[in-house]
């Protein structure tokens, strides 16, 4: 007997995936606009009050979260 995920579970996963996607996109834009790491540090560059190093960490960790959520999304879709 096959057990399908409820619409609520799929909806929650999709909502979280959408939020994480937006955050990854914003962090990617911040990193695209950022000067090189040394220059950013030297001039105290920030985007939305957050340093380049923090944007890099946020982008990396949320990227891993997004990979996991996409995998869950795909599994729930089958």
N, C-alpha and C. Protein backbone atom coordinates (compact mmCIF):
# COMPACT_ATOMS: atom_id res chain seq x y z
N UNK A 1 0.84 -1.17 0.00
CA UNK A 1 0.00 0.00 0.00
C UNK A 1 0.89 1.25 0.00
N UNK A 2 0.66 2.13 -0.94
CA UNK A 2 1.45 3.35 -1.06
C UNK A 2 0.85 4.45 -0.20
N UNK A 3 1.75 5.16 0.49
CA UNK A 3 1.28 6.23 1.37
C UNK A 3 1.72 7.57 0.79
N UNK A 4 0.76 8.42 0.45
CA UNK A 4 1.06 9.74 -0.10
C UNK A 4 1.17 10.76 1.03
N UNK A 5 2.07 11.73 0.83
CA UNK A 5 2.19 12.82 1.79
C UNK A 5 0.95 13.71 1.68
N UNK A 6 0.53 14.22 2.79
CA UNK A 6 -0.65 15.08 2.78
C UNK A 6 -0.34 16.40 2.06
N UNK A 7 -1.40 17.04 1.64
CA UNK A 7 -1.25 18.33 0.97
C UNK A 7 -0.62 19.35 1.92
N UNK A 8 -0.89 19.25 3.19
CA UNK A 8 -0.32 20.17 4.18
C UNK A 8 1.20 20.01 4.24
N UNK A 9 1.67 18.78 4.29
CA UNK A 9 3.11 18.52 4.36
C UNK A 9 3.79 19.04 3.09
N UNK A 10 3.22 18.73 1.94
CA UNK A 10 3.78 19.21 0.68
C UNK A 10 3.77 20.73 0.62
N UNK A 11 2.70 21.34 1.09
CA UNK A 11 2.60 22.79 1.09
C UNK A 11 3.63 23.44 1.99
N UNK A 12 3.84 22.86 3.17
CA UNK A 12 4.83 23.40 4.11
C UNK A 12 6.24 23.29 3.52
N UNK A 13 6.55 22.13 2.94
CA UNK A 13 7.86 21.94 2.32
C UNK A 13 8.06 22.95 1.19
N UNK A 14 7.04 23.12 0.36
CA UNK A 14 7.14 24.06 -0.75
C UNK A 14 7.29 25.50 -0.27
N UNK A 15 6.58 25.87 0.79
CA UNK A 15 6.69 27.22 1.34
C UNK A 15 8.10 27.47 1.88
N UNK A 16 8.61 26.53 2.65
CA UNK A 16 9.96 26.68 3.20
C UNK A 16 10.98 26.73 2.07
N UNK A 17 10.80 25.88 1.05
CA UNK A 17 11.70 25.87 -0.09
C UNK A 17 11.68 27.23 -0.81
N UNK A 18 10.52 27.82 -0.94
CA UNK A 18 10.41 29.13 -1.58
C UNK A 18 11.13 30.20 -0.78
N UNK A 19 10.95 30.21 0.52
CA UNK A 19 11.61 31.19 1.39
C UNK A 19 13.13 31.03 1.31
N UNK A 20 13.59 29.79 1.37
CA UNK A 20 15.04 29.53 1.30
C UNK A 20 15.58 29.96 -0.06
N UNK A 21 14.82 29.70 -1.14
CA UNK A 21 15.25 30.13 -2.46
C UNK A 21 15.43 31.64 -2.52
N UNK A 22 14.47 32.38 -1.98
CA UNK A 22 14.56 33.84 -1.99
C UNK A 22 15.79 34.30 -1.20
N UNK A 23 16.03 33.69 -0.06
CA UNK A 23 17.20 34.07 0.75
C UNK A 23 18.51 33.73 0.03
N UNK A 24 18.56 32.60 -0.65
CA UNK A 24 19.76 32.24 -1.42
C UNK A 24 19.95 33.24 -2.56
N UNK A 25 18.86 33.65 -3.19
CA UNK A 25 18.95 34.62 -4.28
C UNK A 25 19.46 35.98 -3.75
N UNK A 26 18.93 36.43 -2.62
CA UNK A 26 19.36 37.70 -2.05
C UNK A 26 20.84 37.63 -1.65
N UNK A 27 21.24 36.53 -1.04
CA UNK A 27 22.65 36.41 -0.65
C UNK A 27 23.54 36.32 -1.89
N UNK A 28 23.07 35.70 -2.95
CA UNK A 28 23.82 35.65 -4.19
C UNK A 28 23.99 37.02 -4.81
N UNK A 29 22.94 37.82 -4.78
CA UNK A 29 23.02 39.20 -5.28
C UNK A 29 24.00 40.01 -4.43
N UNK A 30 23.94 39.83 -3.12
CA UNK A 30 24.87 40.55 -2.23
C UNK A 30 26.31 40.18 -2.56
N UNK A 31 26.57 38.91 -2.80
CA UNK A 31 27.93 38.48 -3.12
C UNK A 31 28.36 38.95 -4.51
N UNK A 32 27.41 39.04 -5.43
CA UNK A 32 27.73 39.56 -6.76
C UNK A 32 28.13 41.04 -6.68
N UNK A 33 27.45 41.79 -5.85
CA UNK A 33 27.72 43.21 -5.71
C UNK A 33 28.94 43.52 -4.84
N UNK A 34 29.33 42.56 -4.03
CA UNK A 34 30.41 42.78 -3.07
C UNK A 34 31.76 42.91 -3.75
N UNK A 35 32.60 43.79 -3.21
CA UNK A 35 33.98 43.82 -3.70
C UNK A 35 34.72 42.58 -3.22
N UNK A 36 35.95 42.41 -3.68
CA UNK A 36 36.73 41.26 -3.25
C UNK A 36 36.82 41.22 -1.73
N UNK A 37 37.14 40.05 -1.23
CA UNK A 37 37.12 39.85 0.22
C UNK A 37 38.04 40.83 0.97
N UNK A 38 39.25 41.02 0.46
CA UNK A 38 40.19 41.93 1.13
C UNK A 38 39.70 43.37 1.09
N UNK A 39 39.19 43.79 -0.06
CA UNK A 39 38.69 45.15 -0.19
C UNK A 39 37.47 45.36 0.71
N UNK A 40 36.57 44.39 0.72
CA UNK A 40 35.38 44.49 1.55
C UNK A 40 35.75 44.63 3.02
N UNK A 41 36.74 43.87 3.44
CA UNK A 41 37.20 43.96 4.82
C UNK A 41 37.85 45.31 5.10
N UNK A 42 38.67 45.76 4.17
CA UNK A 42 39.40 47.02 4.33
C UNK A 42 38.47 48.22 4.45
N UNK A 43 37.44 48.26 3.62
CA UNK A 43 36.55 49.43 3.63
C UNK A 43 35.33 49.24 4.52
N UNK A 44 35.20 48.05 5.13
CA UNK A 44 34.06 47.80 6.01
C UNK A 44 32.75 47.67 5.25
N UNK A 45 32.81 47.07 4.04
CA UNK A 45 31.64 46.95 3.17
C UNK A 45 30.57 46.07 3.82
N UNK A 46 29.32 46.52 3.71
CA UNK A 46 28.18 45.71 4.14
C UNK A 46 27.05 45.87 3.13
N UNK A 47 26.16 44.90 3.13
CA UNK A 47 24.95 44.96 2.32
C UNK A 47 23.81 44.60 3.26
N UNK A 48 22.86 45.52 3.40
CA UNK A 48 21.78 45.37 4.38
C UNK A 48 22.33 45.17 5.79
N UNK A 49 23.49 45.79 6.06
CA UNK A 49 24.10 45.73 7.38
C UNK A 49 24.84 44.44 7.68
N UNK A 50 25.06 43.60 6.65
CA UNK A 50 25.71 42.31 6.86
C UNK A 50 27.01 42.27 6.05
N UNK A 51 28.08 41.76 6.67
CA UNK A 51 29.38 41.72 6.01
C UNK A 51 29.43 40.64 4.92
N UNK A 52 30.44 40.76 4.07
CA UNK A 52 30.62 39.79 2.99
C UNK A 52 30.82 38.37 3.54
N UNK A 53 31.63 38.24 4.58
CA UNK A 53 31.90 36.92 5.15
C UNK A 53 30.61 36.27 5.65
N UNK A 54 29.75 37.06 6.26
CA UNK A 54 28.48 36.52 6.74
C UNK A 54 27.58 36.14 5.58
N UNK A 55 27.55 36.96 4.51
CA UNK A 55 26.76 36.61 3.33
C UNK A 55 27.25 35.30 2.72
N UNK A 56 28.57 35.10 2.70
CA UNK A 56 29.12 33.86 2.16
C UNK A 56 28.65 32.66 2.98
N UNK A 57 28.69 32.79 4.30
CA UNK A 57 28.26 31.70 5.17
C UNK A 57 26.77 31.43 4.99
N UNK A 58 25.96 32.48 4.97
CA UNK A 58 24.51 32.33 4.79
C UNK A 58 24.22 31.65 3.46
N UNK A 59 24.89 32.09 2.41
CA UNK A 59 24.67 31.54 1.08
C UNK A 59 25.03 30.05 1.03
N UNK A 60 26.15 29.69 1.64
CA UNK A 60 26.59 28.30 1.64
C UNK A 60 25.64 27.41 2.43
N UNK A 61 25.33 27.80 3.65
CA UNK A 61 24.48 26.96 4.50
C UNK A 61 23.06 26.84 3.95
N UNK A 62 22.51 27.95 3.47
CA UNK A 62 21.17 27.88 2.90
C UNK A 62 21.16 27.09 1.59
N UNK A 63 22.28 27.10 0.88
CA UNK A 63 22.39 26.26 -0.32
C UNK A 63 22.27 24.79 0.04
N UNK A 64 22.92 24.37 1.12
CA UNK A 64 22.81 22.98 1.57
C UNK A 64 21.38 22.66 2.02
N UNK A 65 20.76 23.59 2.73
CA UNK A 65 19.37 23.40 3.15
C UNK A 65 18.47 23.26 1.93
N UNK A 66 18.72 24.08 0.92
CA UNK A 66 17.92 24.04 -0.29
C UNK A 66 18.07 22.70 -1.00
N UNK A 67 19.28 22.17 -1.07
CA UNK A 67 19.49 20.85 -1.68
C UNK A 67 18.65 19.80 -0.97
N UNK A 68 18.65 19.82 0.36
CA UNK A 68 17.85 18.87 1.12
C UNK A 68 16.36 19.04 0.88
N UNK A 69 15.91 20.28 0.85
CA UNK A 69 14.47 20.54 0.62
C UNK A 69 14.05 20.14 -0.79
N UNK A 70 14.91 20.35 -1.77
CA UNK A 70 14.58 19.91 -3.14
C UNK A 70 14.46 18.40 -3.18
N UNK A 71 15.36 17.71 -2.49
CA UNK A 71 15.28 16.25 -2.44
C UNK A 71 13.97 15.79 -1.79
N UNK A 72 13.60 16.41 -0.70
CA UNK A 72 12.33 16.08 -0.03
C UNK A 72 11.15 16.39 -0.95
N UNK A 73 11.20 17.54 -1.61
CA UNK A 73 10.16 17.93 -2.54
C UNK A 73 9.98 16.89 -3.65
N UNK A 74 11.09 16.42 -4.18
CA UNK A 74 11.03 15.41 -5.25
C UNK A 74 10.49 14.08 -4.74
N UNK A 75 10.92 13.68 -3.56
CA UNK A 75 10.43 12.41 -2.99
C UNK A 75 8.93 12.49 -2.72
N UNK A 76 8.47 13.60 -2.20
CA UNK A 76 7.03 13.75 -1.91
C UNK A 76 6.21 13.81 -3.19
N UNK A 77 6.84 14.23 -4.28
CA UNK A 77 6.12 14.34 -5.54
C UNK A 77 5.89 13.01 -6.24
N UNK A 78 6.60 11.98 -5.81
CA UNK A 78 6.44 10.67 -6.46
C UNK A 78 5.58 9.74 -5.69
